[in-house]
Amino acid sequence: VTDRTDVRDGDTINLDYSGSIDGV
C-alpha cells in the first residue's frame, strides 16, 4: 500500500516487535 500510511483492519503488515514483562 502506497496511498496511505495508517494500518486498517484486514491489512497485512510487516513489523518488528519486542516483548517484556516488568521491563524484562
PDB file of all heavy atoms in Angstrom:
ATOM      1  N   VAL A   1       0.845  -1.188   0.000  1.00  0.00           N
ATOM      2  CA  VAL A   1       0.000   0.000   0.000  1.00  0.00           C
ATOM      3  C   VAL A   1       0.887   1.247   0.000  1.00  0.00           C
ATOM      4  O   VAL A   1       1.760   1.398   0.854  1.00  0.00           O
ATOM      5  CB  VAL A   1      -0.929   0.002   1.232  1.00  0.00           C
ATOM      6  CG1 VAL A   1      -1.716   1.316   1.306  1.00  0.00           C
ATOM      7  CG2 VAL A   1      -1.866  -1.183   1.176  1.00  0.00           C
ATOM      8  N   THR A   2       0.642   2.137  -0.978  1.00  0.00           N
ATOM      9  CA  THR A   2       1.465   3.358  -1.082  1.00  0.00           C
ATOM     10  C   THR A   2       0.641   4.635  -0.976  1.00  0.00           C
ATOM     11  O   THR A   2       1.208   5.734  -0.858  1.00  0.00           O
ATOM     12  CB  THR A   2       2.231   3.362  -2.424  1.00  0.00           C
ATOM     13  OG1 THR A   2       1.288   3.288  -3.500  1.00  0.00           O
ATOM     14  CG2 THR A   2       3.191   2.190  -2.503  1.00  0.00           C
ATOM     15  N   ASP A   3      -0.692   4.513  -1.019  1.00  0.00           N
ATOM     16  CA  ASP A   3      -1.516   5.723  -0.997  1.00  0.00           C
ATOM     17  C   ASP A   3      -1.982   6.117   0.393  1.00  0.00           C
ATOM     18  O   ASP A   3      -2.751   7.072   0.564  1.00  0.00           O
ATOM     19  CB  ASP A   3      -2.722   5.547  -1.924  1.00  0.00           C
ATOM     20  CG  ASP A   3      -3.610   4.373  -1.513  1.00  0.00           C
ATOM     21  OD1 ASP A   3      -3.180   3.588  -0.639  1.00  0.00           O
ATOM     22  OD2 ASP A   3      -4.717   4.252  -2.064  1.00  0.00           O
ATOM     23  N   ARG A   4      -1.534   5.406   1.406  1.00  0.00           N
ATOM     24  CA  ARG A   4      -1.832   5.749   2.795  1.00  0.00           C
ATOM     25  C   ARG A   4      -0.787   5.102   3.690  1.00  0.00           C
ATOM     26  O   ARG A   4      -0.045   4.201   3.264  1.00  0.00           O
ATOM     27  CB  ARG A   4      -3.231   5.264   3.204  1.00  0.00           C
ATOM     28  CG  ARG A   4      -3.437   3.763   3.110  1.00  0.00           C
ATOM     29  CD  ARG A   4      -4.850   3.364   3.523  1.00  0.00           C
ATOM     30  NE  ARG A   4      -5.144   1.972   3.222  1.00  0.00           N
ATOM     31  CZ  ARG A   4      -4.863   0.947   4.013  1.00  0.00           C
ATOM     32  NH1 ARG A   4      -4.263   1.175   5.184  1.00  0.00           N
ATOM     33  NH2 ARG A   4      -5.165  -0.278   3.672  1.00  0.00           N
ATOM     34  N   THR A   5      -0.738   5.537   4.954  1.00  0.00           N
ATOM     35  CA  THR A   5       0.270   5.006   5.878  1.00  0.00           C
ATOM     36  C   THR A   5      -0.338   4.383   7.128  1.00  0.00           C
ATOM     37  O   THR A   5       0.374   3.750   7.909  1.00  0.00           O
ATOM     38  CB  THR A   5       1.242   6.116   6.323  1.00  0.00           C
ATOM     39  OG1 THR A   5       0.512   7.147   7.003  1.00  0.00           O
ATOM     40  CG2 THR A   5       1.972   6.704   5.124  1.00  0.00           C
ATOM     41  N   ASP A   6      -1.646   4.556   7.343  1.00  0.00           N
ATOM     42  CA  ASP A   6      -2.265   4.051   8.570  1.00  0.00           C
ATOM     43  C   ASP A   6      -2.728   2.613   8.422  1.00  0.00           C
ATOM     44  O   ASP A   6      -3.251   2.205   7.384  1.00  0.00           O
ATOM     45  CB  ASP A   6      -3.444   4.936   8.959  1.00  0.00           C
ATOM     46  CG  ASP A   6      -4.519   4.950   7.889  1.00  0.00           C
ATOM     47  OD1 ASP A   6      -4.190   5.249   6.712  1.00  0.00           O
ATOM     48  OD2 ASP A   6      -5.685   4.652   8.198  1.00  0.00           O
ATOM     49  N   VAL A   7      -2.541   1.823   9.479  1.00  0.00           N
ATOM     50  CA  VAL A   7      -2.930   0.414   9.490  1.00  0.00           C
ATOM     51  C   VAL A   7      -4.436   0.309   9.680  1.00  0.00           C
ATOM     52  O   VAL A   7      -5.014   0.953  10.558  1.00  0.00           O
ATOM     53  CB  VAL A   7      -2.206  -0.346  10.627  1.00  0.00           C
ATOM     54  CG1 VAL A   7      -2.706  -1.787  10.712  1.00  0.00           C
ATOM     55  CG2 VAL A   7      -0.697  -0.299  10.410  1.00  0.00           C
ATOM     56  N   ARG A   8      -5.060  -0.554   8.859  1.00  0.00           N
ATOM     57  CA  ARG A   8      -6.501  -0.775   8.942  1.00  0.00           C
ATOM     58  C   ARG A   8      -6.785  -2.266   9.092  1.00  0.00           C
ATOM     59  O   ARG A   8      -5.947  -3.109   8.759  1.00  0.00           O
ATOM     60  CB  ARG A   8      -7.192  -0.234   7.689  1.00  0.00           C
ATOM     61  CG  ARG A   8      -6.983   1.261   7.493  1.00  0.00           C
ATOM     62  CD  ARG A   8      -7.606   1.768   6.202  1.00  0.00           C
ATOM     63  NE  ARG A   8      -7.300   3.192   5.990  1.00  0.00           N
ATOM     64  CZ  ARG A   8      -7.666   3.872   4.908  1.00  0.00           C
ATOM     65  NH1 ARG A   8      -8.370   3.267   3.948  1.00  0.00           N
ATOM     66  NH2 ARG A   8      -7.342   5.152   4.793  1.00  0.00           N
ATOM     67  N   ASP A   9      -7.982  -2.541   9.583  1.00  0.00           N
ATOM     68  CA  ASP A   9      -8.405  -3.937   9.754  1.00  0.00           C
ATOM     69  C   ASP A   9      -8.349  -4.650   8.406  1.00  0.00           C
ATOM     70  O   ASP A   9      -8.833  -4.140   7.401  1.00  0.00           O
ATOM     71  CB  ASP A   9      -9.829  -3.982  10.314  1.00  0.00           C
ATOM     72  CG  ASP A   9     -10.229  -5.378  10.767  1.00  0.00           C
ATOM     73  OD1 ASP A   9      -9.338  -6.206  11.030  1.00  0.00           O
ATOM     74  OD2 ASP A   9     -11.443  -5.640  10.853  1.00  0.00           O
ATOM     75  N   GLY A  10      -7.726  -5.821   8.382  1.00  0.00           N
ATOM     76  CA  GLY A  10      -7.600  -6.577   7.147  1.00  0.00           C
ATOM     77  C   GLY A  10      -6.274  -6.390   6.455  1.00  0.00           C
ATOM     78  O   GLY A  10      -5.914  -7.169   5.558  1.00  0.00           O
ATOM     79  N   ASP A  11      -5.514  -5.349   6.856  1.00  0.00           N
ATOM     80  CA  ASP A  11      -4.199  -5.120   6.257  1.00  0.00           C
ATOM     81  C   ASP A  11      -3.221  -6.219   6.676  1.00  0.00           C
ATOM     82  O   ASP A  11      -3.302  -6.762   7.778  1.00  0.00           O
ATOM     83  CB  ASP A  11      -3.625  -3.777   6.711  1.00  0.00           C
ATOM     84  CG  ASP A  11      -4.272  -2.602   6.013  1.00  0.00           C
ATOM     85  OD1 ASP A  11      -4.951  -2.815   4.993  1.00  0.00           O
ATOM     86  OD2 ASP A  11      -4.102  -1.469   6.507  1.00  0.00           O
ATOM     87  N   THR A  12      -2.282  -6.482   5.791  1.00  0.00           N
ATOM     88  CA  THR A  12      -1.160  -7.345   6.145  1.00  0.00           C
ATOM     89  C   THR A  12       0.043  -6.435   6.356  1.00  0.00           C
ATOM     90  O   THR A  12       0.396  -5.644   5.473  1.00  0.00           O
ATOM     91  CB  THR A  12      -0.862  -8.353   5.024  1.00  0.00           C
ATOM     92  OG1 THR A  12      -1.982  -9.216   4.864  1.00  0.00           O
ATOM     93  CG2 THR A  12       0.369  -9.194   5.368  1.00  0.00           C
ATOM     94  N   ILE A  13       0.625  -6.507   7.545  1.00  0.00           N
ATOM     95  CA  ILE A  13       1.727  -5.598   7.866  1.00  0.00           C
ATOM     96  C   ILE A  13       3.012  -6.370   8.132  1.00  0.00           C
ATOM     97  O   ILE A  13       2.997  -7.537   8.532  1.00  0.00           O
ATOM     98  CB  ILE A  13       1.393  -4.716   9.087  1.00  0.00           C
ATOM     99  CG1 ILE A  13       1.216  -5.583  10.339  1.00  0.00           C
ATOM    100  CG2 ILE A  13       0.154  -3.885   8.818  1.00  0.00           C
ATOM    101  CD1 ILE A  13       1.046  -4.768  11.620  1.00  0.00           C
ATOM    102  N   ASN A  14       4.116  -5.672   7.883  1.00  0.00           N
ATOM    103  CA  ASN A  14       5.434  -6.165   8.252  1.00  0.00           C
ATOM    104  C   ASN A  14       5.853  -5.384   9.486  1.00  0.00           C
ATOM    105  O   ASN A  14       5.780  -4.145   9.490  1.00  0.00           O
ATOM    106  CB  ASN A  14       6.421  -5.953   7.105  1.00  0.00           C
ATOM    107  CG  ASN A  14       7.802  -6.488   7.430  1.00  0.00           C
ATOM    108  OD1 ASN A  14       8.570  -5.842   8.150  1.00  0.00           O
ATOM    109  ND2 ASN A  14       8.120  -7.652   6.905  1.00  0.00           N
ATOM    110  N   LEU A  15       6.268  -6.087  10.525  1.00  0.00           N
ATOM    111  CA  LEU A  15       6.556  -5.404  11.786  1.00  0.00           C
ATOM    112  C   LEU A  15       7.723  -6.028  12.541  1.00  0.00           C
ATOM    113  O   LEU A  15       8.068  -7.189  12.330  1.00  0.00           O
ATOM    114  CB  LEU A  15       5.315  -5.404  12.681  1.00  0.00           C
ATOM    115  CG  LEU A  15       4.877  -6.732  13.335  1.00  0.00           C
ATOM    116  CD1 LEU A  15       3.935  -6.461  14.493  1.00  0.00           C
ATOM    117  CD2 LEU A  15       4.203  -7.678  12.346  1.00  0.00           C
ATOM    118  N   ASP A  16       8.304  -5.212  13.404  1.00  0.00           N
ATOM    119  CA  ASP A  16       9.291  -5.675  14.382  1.00  0.00           C
ATOM    120  C   ASP A  16       8.643  -5.543  15.754  1.00  0.00           C
ATOM    121  O   ASP A  16       7.898  -4.589  16.001  1.00  0.00           O
ATOM    122  CB  ASP A  16      10.562  -4.812  14.356  1.00  0.00           C
ATOM    123  CG  ASP A  16      11.215  -4.758  12.989  1.00  0.00           C
ATOM    124  OD1 ASP A  16      11.034  -5.717  12.205  1.00  0.00           O
ATOM    125  OD2 ASP A  16      11.881  -3.745  12.708  1.00  0.00           O
ATOM    126  N   TYR A  17       8.900  -6.486  16.640  1.00  0.00           N
ATOM    127  CA  TYR A  17       8.355  -6.343  17.991  1.00  0.00           C
ATOM    128  C   TYR A  17       9.282  -6.967  19.022  1.00  0.00           C
ATOM    129  O   TYR A  17      10.076  -7.868  18.724  1.00  0.00           O
ATOM    130  CB  TYR A  17       6.954  -6.960  18.096  1.00  0.00           C
ATOM    131  CG  TYR A  17       6.869  -8.439  17.785  1.00  0.00           C
ATOM    132  CD1 TYR A  17       7.204  -9.405  18.733  1.00  0.00           C
ATOM    133  CD2 TYR A  17       6.408  -8.865  16.547  1.00  0.00           C
ATOM    134  CE1 TYR A  17       7.106 -10.755  18.451  1.00  0.00           C
ATOM    135  CE2 TYR A  17       6.312 -10.214  16.255  1.00  0.00           C
ATOM    136  CZ  TYR A  17       6.657 -11.161  17.208  1.00  0.00           C
ATOM    137  OH  TYR A  17       6.560 -12.498  16.922  1.00  0.00           O
ATOM    138  N   SER A  18       9.152  -6.426  20.240  1.00  0.00           N
ATOM    139  CA  SER A  18       9.950  -6.933  21.351  1.00  0.00           C
ATOM    140  C   SER A  18       9.074  -6.926  22.596  1.00  0.00           C
ATOM    141  O   SER A  18       8.528  -5.886  22.973  1.00  0.00           O
ATOM    142  CB  SER A  18      11.183  -6.056  21.572  1.00  0.00           C
ATOM    143  OG  SER A  18      11.910  -6.497  22.713  1.00  0.00           O
ATOM    144  N   GLY A  19       8.903  -8.103  23.231  1.00  0.00           N
ATOM    145  CA  GLY A  19       8.030  -8.227  24.384  1.00  0.00           C
ATOM    146  C   GLY A  19       8.785  -8.294  25.688  1.00  0.00           C
ATOM    147  O   GLY A  19       9.910  -8.799  25.758  1.00  0.00           O
ATOM    148  N   SER A  20       8.158  -7.744  26.753  1.00  0.00           N
ATOM    149  CA  SER A  20       8.792  -7.788  28.071  1.00  0.00           C
ATOM    150  C   SER A  20       7.727  -7.817  29.152  1.00  0.00           C
ATOM    151  O   SER A  20       6.579  -7.424  28.934  1.00  0.00           O
ATOM    152  CB  SER A  20       9.703  -6.567  28.271  1.00  0.00           C
ATOM    153  OG  SER A  20       8.926  -5.375  28.224  1.00  0.00           O
ATOM    154  N   ILE A  21       8.118  -8.304  30.318  1.00  0.00           N
ATOM    155  CA  ILE A  21       7.255  -8.298  31.496  1.00  0.00           C
ATOM    156  C   ILE A  21       8.020  -7.621  32.624  1.00  0.00           C
ATOM    157  O   ILE A  21       9.123  -8.047  32.976  1.00  0.00           O
ATOM    158  CB  ILE A  21       6.859  -9.741  31.898  1.00  0.00           C
ATOM    159  CG1 ILE A  21       6.011 -10.384  30.799  1.00  0.00           C
ATOM    160  CG2 ILE A  21       6.101  -9.738  33.224  1.00  0.00           C
ATOM    161  CD1 ILE A  21       5.645 -11.831  31.081  1.00  0.00           C
ATOM    162  N   ASP A  22       7.466  -6.547  33.121  1.00  0.00           N
ATOM    163  CA  ASP A  22       8.138  -5.734  34.149  1.00  0.00           C
ATOM    164  C   ASP A  22       9.526  -5.307  33.690  1.00  0.00           C
ATOM    165  O   ASP A  22      10.489  -5.287  34.462  1.00  0.00           O
ATOM    166  CB  ASP A  22       8.239  -6.513  35.472  1.00  0.00           C
ATOM    167  CG  ASP A  22       6.867  -6.796  36.073  1.00  0.00           C
ATOM    168  OD1 ASP A  22       5.943  -5.978  35.848  1.00  0.00           O
ATOM    169  OD2 ASP A  22       6.717  -7.835  36.757  1.00  0.00           O
ATOM    170  N   GLY A  23       9.618  -4.990  32.403  1.00  0.00           N
ATOM    171  CA  GLY A  23      10.873  -4.493  31.853  1.00  0.00           C
ATOM    172  C   GLY A  23      11.881  -5.552  31.485  1.00  0.00           C
ATOM    173  O   GLY A  23      12.969  -5.230  30.992  1.00  0.00           O
ATOM    174  N   VAL A  24      11.557  -6.813  31.709  1.00  0.00           N
ATOM    175  CA  VAL A  24      12.491  -7.909  31.406  1.00  0.00           C
ATOM    176  C   VAL A  24      11.980  -8.678  30.186  1.00  0.00           C
ATOM    177  O   VAL A  24      10.852  -9.182  30.172  1.00  0.00           O
ATOM    178  CB  VAL A  24      12.632  -8.868  32.607  1.00  0.00           C
ATOM    179  CG1 VAL A  24      13.598  -9.997  32.268  1.00  0.00           C
ATOM    180  CG2 VAL A  24      13.104  -8.089  33.836  1.00  0.00           C
TER     181      VAL A  24
END
